[in-house]
Amino acid sequence: ATRMRHTLHNLLIHAGITPSQKYHETLTRAWI
């Protein structure tokens, strides 16, 4: 869960997307 959060945040930032616009903690953790 920690790695997924970190990786997705970095991927979004690298793509110029603010993580708070796209990242969803509940969906990420629930799918883990």
PDB file of all heavy atoms in Angstrom:
ATOM      1  N   ALA A   1       0.838  -1.212   0.000  1.00  0.00           N
ATOM      2  CA  ALA A   1       0.000   0.000   0.000  1.00  0.00           C
ATOM      3  C   ALA A   1       0.867   1.254   0.000  1.00  0.00           C
ATOM      4  O   ALA A   1       0.600   2.207  -0.744  1.00  0.00           O
ATOM      5  CB  ALA A   1      -0.950  -0.012   1.189  1.00  0.00           C
ATOM      6  N   THR A   2       1.907   1.248   0.801  1.00  0.00           N
ATOM      7  CA  THR A   2       2.817   2.393   0.869  1.00  0.00           C
ATOM      8  C   THR A   2       3.532   2.599  -0.456  1.00  0.00           C
ATOM      9  O   THR A   2       3.604   3.720  -0.971  1.00  0.00           O
ATOM     10  CB  THR A   2       3.840   2.199   2.005  1.00  0.00           C
ATOM     11  OG1 THR A   2       3.128   2.085   3.247  1.00  0.00           O
ATOM     12  CG2 THR A   2       4.828   3.347   2.083  1.00  0.00           C
ATOM     13  N   ARG A   3       4.057   1.520  -1.027  1.00  0.00           N
ATOM     14  CA  ARG A   3       4.769   1.614  -2.303  1.00  0.00           C
ATOM     15  C   ARG A   3       3.845   2.069  -3.425  1.00  0.00           C
ATOM     16  O   ARG A   3       4.223   2.871  -4.276  1.00  0.00           O
ATOM     17  CB  ARG A   3       5.394   0.264  -2.680  1.00  0.00           C
ATOM     18  CG  ARG A   3       6.510  -0.192  -1.776  1.00  0.00           C
ATOM     19  CD  ARG A   3       7.728   0.612  -1.959  1.00  0.00           C
ATOM     20  NE  ARG A   3       8.439   0.261  -3.156  1.00  0.00           N
ATOM     21  CZ  ARG A   3       9.744   0.346  -3.291  1.00  0.00           C
ATOM     22  NH1 ARG A   3      10.480   0.740  -2.295  1.00  0.00           N
ATOM     23  NH2 ARG A   3      10.318   0.052  -4.426  1.00  0.00           N
ATOM     24  N   MET A   4       2.624   1.522  -3.441  1.00  0.00           N
ATOM     25  CA  MET A   4       1.675   1.878  -4.491  1.00  0.00           C
ATOM     26  C   MET A   4       1.349   3.367  -4.423  1.00  0.00           C
ATOM     27  O   MET A   4       1.370   4.061  -5.446  1.00  0.00           O
ATOM     28  CB  MET A   4       0.405   1.040  -4.371  1.00  0.00           C
ATOM     29  CG  MET A   4      -0.589   1.285  -5.480  1.00  0.00           C
ATOM     30  SD  MET A   4      -0.044   0.721  -7.106  1.00  0.00           S
ATOM     31  CE  MET A   4      -0.762  -0.885  -7.145  1.00  0.00           C
ATOM     32  N   ARG A   5       1.064   3.857  -3.236  1.00  0.00           N
ATOM     33  CA  ARG A   5       0.760   5.282  -3.050  1.00  0.00           C
ATOM     34  C   ARG A   5       1.921   6.137  -3.560  1.00  0.00           C
ATOM     35  O   ARG A   5       1.739   7.077  -4.329  1.00  0.00           O
ATOM     36  CB  ARG A   5       0.479   5.589  -1.585  1.00  0.00           C
ATOM     37  CG  ARG A   5       0.129   7.031  -1.278  1.00  0.00           C
ATOM     38  CD  ARG A   5      -0.084   7.294   0.215  1.00  0.00           C
ATOM     39  NE  ARG A   5      -0.929   6.312   0.857  1.00  0.00           N
ATOM     40  CZ  ARG A   5      -0.486   5.353   1.700  1.00  0.00           C
ATOM     41  NH1 ARG A   5       0.802   5.273   1.997  1.00  0.00           N
ATOM     42  NH2 ARG A   5      -1.327   4.507   2.236  1.00  0.00           N
ATOM     43  N   HIS A   6       3.115   5.809  -3.116  1.00  0.00           N
ATOM     44  CA  HIS A   6       4.315   6.565  -3.490  1.00  0.00           C
ATOM     45  C   HIS A   6       4.528   6.540  -5.011  1.00  0.00           C
ATOM     46  O   HIS A   6       4.769   7.577  -5.641  1.00  0.00           O
ATOM     47  CB  HIS A   6       5.530   5.974  -2.764  1.00  0.00           C
ATOM     48  CG  HIS A   6       6.818   6.611  -3.116  1.00  0.00           C
ATOM     49  ND1 HIS A   6       7.204   7.844  -2.647  1.00  0.00           N
ATOM     50  CD2 HIS A   6       7.819   6.188  -3.935  1.00  0.00           C
ATOM     51  CE1 HIS A   6       8.388   8.151  -3.147  1.00  0.00           C
ATOM     52  NE2 HIS A   6       8.780   7.165  -3.921  1.00  0.00           N
ATOM     53  N   THR A   7       4.437   5.356  -5.598  1.00  0.00           N
ATOM     54  CA  THR A   7       4.665   5.206  -7.036  1.00  0.00           C
ATOM     55  C   THR A   7       3.614   5.958  -7.846  1.00  0.00           C
ATOM     56  O   THR A   7       3.950   6.655  -8.815  1.00  0.00           O
ATOM     57  CB  THR A   7       4.690   3.719  -7.426  1.00  0.00           C
ATOM     58  OG1 THR A   7       5.780   3.098  -6.735  1.00  0.00           O
ATOM     59  CG2 THR A   7       4.851   3.527  -8.921  1.00  0.00           C
ATOM     60  N   LEU A   8       2.342   5.837  -7.465  1.00  0.00           N
ATOM     61  CA  LEU A   8       1.282   6.527  -8.204  1.00  0.00           C
ATOM     62  C   LEU A   8       1.426   8.041  -8.084  1.00  0.00           C
ATOM     63  O   LEU A   8       1.246   8.758  -9.075  1.00  0.00           O
ATOM     64  CB  LEU A   8      -0.092   6.059  -7.739  1.00  0.00           C
ATOM     65  CG  LEU A   8      -0.433   4.601  -8.063  1.00  0.00           C
ATOM     66  CD1 LEU A   8      -1.799   4.234  -7.489  1.00  0.00           C
ATOM     67  CD2 LEU A   8      -0.367   4.314  -9.549  1.00  0.00           C
ATOM     68  N   HIS A   9       1.764   8.514  -6.900  1.00  0.00           N
ATOM     69  CA  HIS A   9       1.987   9.963  -6.732  1.00  0.00           C
ATOM     70  C   HIS A   9       3.115  10.432  -7.648  1.00  0.00           C
ATOM     71  O   HIS A   9       2.973  11.451  -8.336  1.00  0.00           O
ATOM     72  CB  HIS A   9       2.311  10.292  -5.274  1.00  0.00           C
ATOM     73  CG  HIS A   9       1.121  10.469  -4.412  1.00  0.00           C
ATOM     74  ND1 HIS A   9       1.005  11.478  -3.491  1.00  0.00           N
ATOM     75  CD2 HIS A   9      -0.030   9.762  -4.323  1.00  0.00           C
ATOM     76  CE1 HIS A   9      -0.155  11.381  -2.877  1.00  0.00           C
ATOM     77  NE2 HIS A   9      -0.799  10.349  -3.366  1.00  0.00           N
ATOM     78  N   ASN A  10       4.230   9.713  -7.645  1.00  0.00           N
ATOM     79  CA  ASN A  10       5.367  10.097  -8.489  1.00  0.00           C
ATOM     80  C   ASN A  10       5.007  10.060  -9.967  1.00  0.00           C
ATOM     81  O   ASN A  10       5.400  10.958 -10.729  1.00  0.00           O
ATOM     82  CB  ASN A  10       6.568   9.186  -8.227  1.00  0.00           C
ATOM     83  CG  ASN A  10       7.263   9.516  -6.940  1.00  0.00           C
ATOM     84  OD1 ASN A  10       7.060  10.570  -6.348  1.00  0.00           O
ATOM     85  ND2 ASN A  10       8.089   8.587  -6.479  1.00  0.00           N
ATOM     86  N   LEU A  11       4.277   9.041 -10.376  1.00  0.00           N
ATOM     87  CA  LEU A  11       3.874   8.917 -11.770  1.00  0.00           C
ATOM     88  C   LEU A  11       2.989  10.099 -12.183  1.00  0.00           C
ATOM     89  O   LEU A  11       3.176  10.684 -13.250  1.00  0.00           O
ATOM     90  CB  LEU A  11       3.136   7.589 -11.968  1.00  0.00           C
ATOM     91  CG  LEU A  11       2.924   7.078 -13.380  1.00  0.00           C
ATOM     92  CD1 LEU A  11       4.251   6.875 -14.103  1.00  0.00           C
ATOM     93  CD2 LEU A  11       2.143   5.767 -13.339  1.00  0.00           C
ATOM     94  N   LEU A  12       2.060  10.461 -11.324  1.00  0.00           N
ATOM     95  CA  LEU A  12       1.181  11.597 -11.613  1.00  0.00           C
ATOM     96  C   LEU A  12       1.955  12.916 -11.673  1.00  0.00           C
ATOM     97  O   LEU A  12       1.777  13.705 -12.602  1.00  0.00           O
ATOM     98  CB  LEU A  12       0.062  11.681 -10.572  1.00  0.00           C
ATOM     99  CG  LEU A  12      -0.991  10.585 -10.645  1.00  0.00           C
ATOM    100  CD1 LEU A  12      -1.872  10.607  -9.403  1.00  0.00           C
ATOM    101  CD2 LEU A  12      -1.823  10.702 -11.916  1.00  0.00           C
ATOM    102  N   ILE A  13       2.815  13.130 -10.698  1.00  0.00           N
ATOM    103  CA  ILE A  13       3.609  14.361 -10.667  1.00  0.00           C
ATOM    104  C   ILE A  13       4.466  14.469 -11.922  1.00  0.00           C
ATOM    105  O   ILE A  13       4.548  15.524 -12.549  1.00  0.00           O
ATOM    106  CB  ILE A  13       4.470  14.426  -9.380  1.00  0.00           C
ATOM    107  CG1 ILE A  13       3.559  14.654  -8.162  1.00  0.00           C
ATOM    108  CG2 ILE A  13       5.533  15.511  -9.482  1.00  0.00           C
ATOM    109  CD1 ILE A  13       4.243  14.405  -6.825  1.00  0.00           C
ATOM    110  N   HIS A  14       5.098  13.365 -12.301  1.00  0.00           N
ATOM    111  CA  HIS A  14       5.932  13.354 -13.499  1.00  0.00           C
ATOM    112  C   HIS A  14       5.117  13.699 -14.748  1.00  0.00           C
ATOM    113  O   HIS A  14       5.635  14.318 -15.687  1.00  0.00           O
ATOM    114  CB  HIS A  14       6.612  11.990 -13.665  1.00  0.00           C
ATOM    115  CG  HIS A  14       7.599  11.957 -14.775  1.00  0.00           C
ATOM    116  ND1 HIS A  14       7.272  11.544 -16.049  1.00  0.00           N
ATOM    117  CD2 HIS A  14       8.903  12.309 -14.817  1.00  0.00           C
ATOM    118  CE1 HIS A  14       8.330  11.634 -16.823  1.00  0.00           C
ATOM    119  NE2 HIS A  14       9.329  12.088 -16.108  1.00  0.00           N
ATOM    120  N   ALA A  15       3.845  13.326 -14.754  1.00  0.00           N
ATOM    121  CA  ALA A  15       2.977  13.613 -15.901  1.00  0.00           C
ATOM    122  C   ALA A  15       2.355  15.003 -15.817  1.00  0.00           C
ATOM    123  O   ALA A  15       1.553  15.383 -16.666  1.00  0.00           O
ATOM    124  CB  ALA A  15       1.877  12.564 -15.987  1.00  0.00           C
ATOM    125  N   GLY A  16       2.714  15.762 -14.773  1.00  0.00           N
ATOM    126  CA  GLY A  16       2.191  17.116 -14.623  1.00  0.00           C
ATOM    127  C   GLY A  16       0.793  17.170 -14.035  1.00  0.00           C
ATOM    128  O   GLY A  16       0.087  18.162 -14.182  1.00  0.00           O
ATOM    129  N   ILE A  17       0.402  16.099 -13.353  1.00  0.00           N
ATOM    130  CA  ILE A  17      -0.925  16.023 -12.737  1.00  0.00           C
ATOM    131  C   ILE A  17      -0.757  16.119 -11.227  1.00  0.00           C
ATOM    132  O   ILE A  17       0.049  15.401 -10.640  1.00  0.00           O
ATOM    133  CB  ILE A  17      -1.622  14.694 -13.091  1.00  0.00           C
ATOM    134  CG1 ILE A  17      -1.776  14.568 -14.614  1.00  0.00           C
ATOM    135  CG2 ILE A  17      -2.982  14.588 -12.394  1.00  0.00           C
ATOM    136  CD1 ILE A  17      -2.170  13.181 -15.086  1.00  0.00           C
ATOM    137  N   THR A  18      -1.500  17.008 -10.613  1.00  0.00           N
ATOM    138  CA  THR A  18      -1.466  17.110  -9.151  1.00  0.00           C
ATOM    139  C   THR A  18      -2.125  15.865  -8.580  1.00  0.00           C
ATOM    140  O   THR A  18      -3.278  15.564  -8.931  1.00  0.00           O
ATOM    141  CB  THR A  18      -2.222  18.373  -8.685  1.00  0.00           C
ATOM    142  OG1 THR A  18      -1.648  19.509  -9.333  1.00  0.00           O
ATOM    143  CG2 THR A  18      -2.148  18.531  -7.183  1.00  0.00           C
ATOM    144  N   PRO A  19      -1.415  15.099  -7.729  1.00  0.00           N
ATOM    145  CA  PRO A  19      -1.989  13.863  -7.203  1.00  0.00           C
ATOM    146  C   PRO A  19      -3.385  14.019  -6.591  1.00  0.00           C
ATOM    147  O   PRO A  19      -4.222  13.137  -6.749  1.00  0.00           O
ATOM    148  CB  PRO A  19      -0.966  13.403  -6.162  1.00  0.00           C
ATOM    149  CG  PRO A  19       0.325  13.919  -6.698  1.00  0.00           C
ATOM    150  CD  PRO A  19      -0.032  15.261  -7.295  1.00  0.00           C
ATOM    151  N   SER A  20      -3.642  15.137  -5.934  1.00  0.00           N
ATOM    152  CA  SER A  20      -4.958  15.316  -5.305  1.00  0.00           C
ATOM    153  C   SER A  20      -6.081  15.401  -6.343  1.00  0.00           C
ATOM    154  O   SER A  20      -7.243  15.205  -6.004  1.00  0.00           O
ATOM    155  CB  SER A  20      -4.965  16.559  -4.420  1.00  0.00           C
ATOM    156  OG  SER A  20      -4.722  17.725  -5.188  1.00  0.00           O
ATOM    157  N   GLN A  21      -5.747  15.631  -7.608  1.00  0.00           N
ATOM    158  CA  GLN A  21      -6.761  15.675  -8.664  1.00  0.00           C
ATOM    159  C   GLN A  21      -7.138  14.283  -9.159  1.00  0.00           C
ATOM    160  O   GLN A  21      -8.228  14.085  -9.673  1.00  0.00           O
ATOM    161  CB  GLN A  21      -6.252  16.473  -9.872  1.00  0.00           C
ATOM    162  CG  GLN A  21      -6.040  17.936  -9.595  1.00  0.00           C
ATOM    163  CD  GLN A  21      -5.386  18.616 -10.790  1.00  0.00           C
ATOM    164  OE1 GLN A  21      -4.604  18.025 -11.521  1.00  0.00           O
ATOM    165  NE2 GLN A  21      -5.719  19.881 -10.970  1.00  0.00           N
ATOM    166  N   LYS A  22      -6.247  13.319  -9.029  1.00  0.00           N
ATOM    167  CA  LYS A  22      -6.448  12.011  -9.653  1.00  0.00           C
ATOM    168  C   LYS A  22      -6.348  10.850  -8.664  1.00  0.00           C
ATOM    169  O   LYS A  22      -7.095   9.885  -8.773  1.00  0.00           O
ATOM    170  CB  LYS A  22      -5.405  11.841 -10.761  1.00  0.00           C
ATOM    171  CG  LYS A  22      -5.514  10.601 -11.556  1.00  0.00           C
ATOM    172  CD  LYS A  22      -6.429  10.779 -12.727  1.00  0.00           C
ATOM    173  CE  LYS A  22      -6.375   9.541 -13.612  1.00  0.00           C
ATOM    174  NZ  LYS A  22      -7.600   9.306 -14.299  1.00  0.00           N
ATOM    175  N   TYR A  23      -5.421  10.922  -7.712  1.00  0.00           N
ATOM    176  CA  TYR A  23      -5.175   9.808  -6.802  1.00  0.00           C
ATOM    177  C   TYR A  23      -6.336   9.637  -5.832  1.00  0.00           C
ATOM    178  O   TYR A  23      -6.892  10.610  -5.324  1.00  0.00           O
ATOM    179  CB  TYR A  23      -3.868  10.038  -6.023  1.00  0.00           C
ATOM    180  CG  TYR A  23      -3.581   8.926  -5.050  1.00  0.00           C
ATOM    181  CD1 TYR A  23      -3.055   7.723  -5.493  1.00  0.00           C
ATOM    182  CD2 TYR A  23      -3.870   9.069  -3.700  1.00  0.00           C
ATOM    183  CE1 TYR A  23      -2.809   6.693  -4.607  1.00  0.00           C
ATOM    184  CE2 TYR A  23      -3.624   8.045  -2.813  1.00  0.00           C
ATOM    185  CZ  TYR A  23      -3.097   6.855  -3.258  1.00  0.00           C
ATOM    186  OH  TYR A  23      -2.861   5.834  -2.393  1.00  0.00           O
ATOM    187  N   HIS A  24      -6.683   8.371  -5.571  1.00  0.00           N
ATOM    188  CA  HIS A  24      -7.810   8.049  -4.698  1.00  0.00           C
ATOM    189  C   HIS A  24      -7.338   7.010  -3.677  1.00  0.00           C
ATOM    190  O   HIS A  24      -7.149   5.840  -4.003  1.00  0.00           O
ATOM    191  CB  HIS A  24      -8.960   7.492  -5.548  1.00  0.00           C
ATOM    192  CG  HIS A  24     -10.269   7.431  -4.854  1.00  0.00           C
ATOM    193  ND1 HIS A  24     -10.509   6.595  -3.791  1.00  0.00           N
ATOM    194  CD2 HIS A  24     -11.423   8.101  -5.087  1.00  0.00           C
ATOM    195  CE1 HIS A  24     -11.762   6.748  -3.403  1.00  0.00           C
ATOM    196  NE2 HIS A  24     -12.336   7.668  -4.178  1.00  0.00           N
ATOM    197  N   GLU A  25      -7.150   7.436  -2.437  1.00  0.00           N
ATOM    198  CA  GLU A  25      -6.586   6.571  -1.398  1.00  0.00           C
ATOM    199  C   GLU A  25      -7.457   5.352  -1.115  1.00  0.00           C
ATOM    200  O   GLU A  25      -6.955   4.237  -0.984  1.00  0.00           O
ATOM    201  CB  GLU A  25      -6.353   7.362  -0.106  1.00  0.00           C
ATOM    202  CG  GLU A  25      -5.785   6.537   1.033  1.00  0.00           C
ATOM    203  CD  GLU A  25      -4.386   5.992   0.798  1.00  0.00           C
ATOM    204  OE1 GLU A  25      -3.628   6.564  -0.015  1.00  0.00           O
ATOM    205  OE2 GLU A  25      -4.036   4.976   1.429  1.00  0.00           O
ATOM    206  N   THR A  26      -8.772   5.533  -1.010  1.00  0.00           N
ATOM    207  CA  THR A  26      -9.639   4.393  -0.686  1.00  0.00           C
ATOM    208  C   THR A  26      -9.608   3.358  -1.802  1.00  0.00           C
ATOM    209  O   THR A  26      -9.477   2.159  -1.528  1.00  0.00           O
ATOM    210  CB  THR A  26     -11.070   4.857  -0.397  1.00  0.00           C
ATOM    211  OG1 THR A  26     -11.043   5.684   0.782  1.00  0.00           O
ATOM    212  CG2 THR A  26     -12.006   3.685  -0.157  1.00  0.00           C
ATOM    213  N   LEU A  27      -9.716   3.789  -3.045  1.00  0.00           N
ATOM    214  CA  LEU A  27      -9.663   2.825  -4.145  1.00  0.00           C
ATOM    215  C   LEU A  27      -8.315   2.112  -4.192  1.00  0.00           C
ATOM    216  O   LEU A  27      -8.258   0.895  -4.410  1.00  0.00           O
ATOM    217  CB  LEU A  27      -9.941   3.516  -5.485  1.00  0.00           C
ATOM    218  CG  LEU A  27     -11.404   3.720  -5.825  1.00  0.00           C
ATOM    219  CD1 LEU A  27     -11.541   4.570  -7.090  1.00  0.00           C
ATOM    220  CD2 LEU A  27     -12.122   2.394  -5.996  1.00  0.00           C
ATOM    221  N   THR A  28      -7.243   2.844  -3.983  1.00  0.00           N
ATOM    222  CA  THR A  28      -5.918   2.237  -4.014  1.00  0.00           C
ATOM    223  C   THR A  28      -5.784   1.178  -2.924  1.00  0.00           C
ATOM    224  O   THR A  28      -5.397   0.037  -3.193  1.00  0.00           O
ATOM    225  CB  THR A  28      -4.820   3.309  -3.860  1.00  0.00           C
ATOM    226  OG1 THR A  28      -4.937   4.231  -4.946  1.00  0.00           O
ATOM    227  CG2 THR A  28      -3.432   2.688  -3.840  1.00  0.00           C
ATOM    228  N   ARG A  29      -6.106   1.534  -1.707  1.00  0.00           N
ATOM    229  CA  ARG A  29      -5.967   0.593  -0.586  1.00  0.00           C
ATOM    230  C   ARG A  29      -6.952  -0.576  -0.718  1.00  0.00           C
ATOM    231  O   ARG A  29      -6.596  -1.728  -0.450  1.00  0.00           O
ATOM    232  CB  ARG A  29      -6.191   1.340   0.729  1.00  0.00           C
ATOM    233  CG  ARG A  29      -6.052   0.504   1.972  1.00  0.00           C
ATOM    234  CD  ARG A  29      -4.609   0.125   2.221  1.00  0.00           C
ATOM    235  NE  ARG A  29      -4.506  -0.753   3.357  1.00  0.00           N
ATOM    236  CZ  ARG A  29      -3.432  -0.923   4.085  1.00  0.00           C
ATOM    237  NH1 ARG A  29      -2.332  -0.259   3.791  1.00  0.00           N
ATOM    238  NH2 ARG A  29      -3.410  -1.748   5.090  1.00  0.00           N
ATOM    239  N   ALA A  30      -8.176  -0.295  -1.150  1.00  0.00           N
ATOM    240  CA  ALA A  30      -9.175  -1.356  -1.299  1.00  0.00           C
ATOM    241  C   ALA A  30      -8.736  -2.371  -2.365  1.00  0.00           C
ATOM    242  O   ALA A  30      -8.907  -3.581  -2.183  1.00  0.00           O
ATOM    243  CB  ALA A  30     -10.531  -0.763  -1.639  1.00  0.00           C
ATOM    244  N   TRP A  31      -8.150  -1.887  -3.449  1.00  0.00           N
ATOM    245  CA  TRP A  31      -7.680  -2.823  -4.476  1.00  0.00           C
ATOM    246  C   TRP A  31      -6.465  -3.610  -4.006  1.00  0.00           C
ATOM    247  O   TRP A  31      -6.321  -4.791  -4.346  1.00  0.00           O
ATOM    248  CB  TRP A  31      -7.417  -2.102  -5.797  1.00  0.00           C
ATOM    249  CG  TRP A  31      -8.672  -2.014  -6.598  1.00  0.00           C
ATOM    250  CD1 TRP A  31      -9.441  -0.901  -6.821  1.00  0.00           C
ATOM    251  CD2 TRP A  31      -9.361  -3.088  -7.227  1.00  0.00           C
ATOM    252  NE1 TRP A  31     -10.545  -1.226  -7.553  1.00  0.00           N
ATOM    253  CE2 TRP A  31     -10.527  -2.571  -7.830  1.00  0.00           C
ATOM    254  CE3 TRP A  31      -9.115  -4.458  -7.349  1.00  0.00           C
ATOM    255  CZ2 TRP A  31     -11.425  -3.365  -8.534  1.00  0.00           C
ATOM    256  CZ3 TRP A  31     -10.018  -5.249  -8.057  1.00  0.00           C
ATOM    257  CH2 TRP A  31     -11.153  -4.699  -8.638  1.00  0.00           C
ATOM    258  N   ILE A  32      -5.614  -3.007  -3.212  1.00  0.00           N
ATOM    259  CA  ILE A  32      -4.500  -3.763  -2.612  1.00  0.00           C
ATOM    260  C   ILE A  32      -5.078  -4.895  -1.752  1.00  0.00           C
ATOM    261  O   ILE A  32      -4.631  -6.042  -1.830  1.00  0.00           O
ATOM    262  CB  ILE A  32      -3.586  -2.843  -1.760  1.00  0.00           C
ATOM    263  CG1 ILE A  32      -2.820  -1.857  -2.650  1.00  0.00           C
ATOM    264  CG2 ILE A  32      -2.647  -3.655  -0.874  1.00  0.00           C
ATOM    265  CD1 ILE A  32      -1.649  -2.442  -3.401  1.00  0.00           C
TER     266      ILE A  32
END
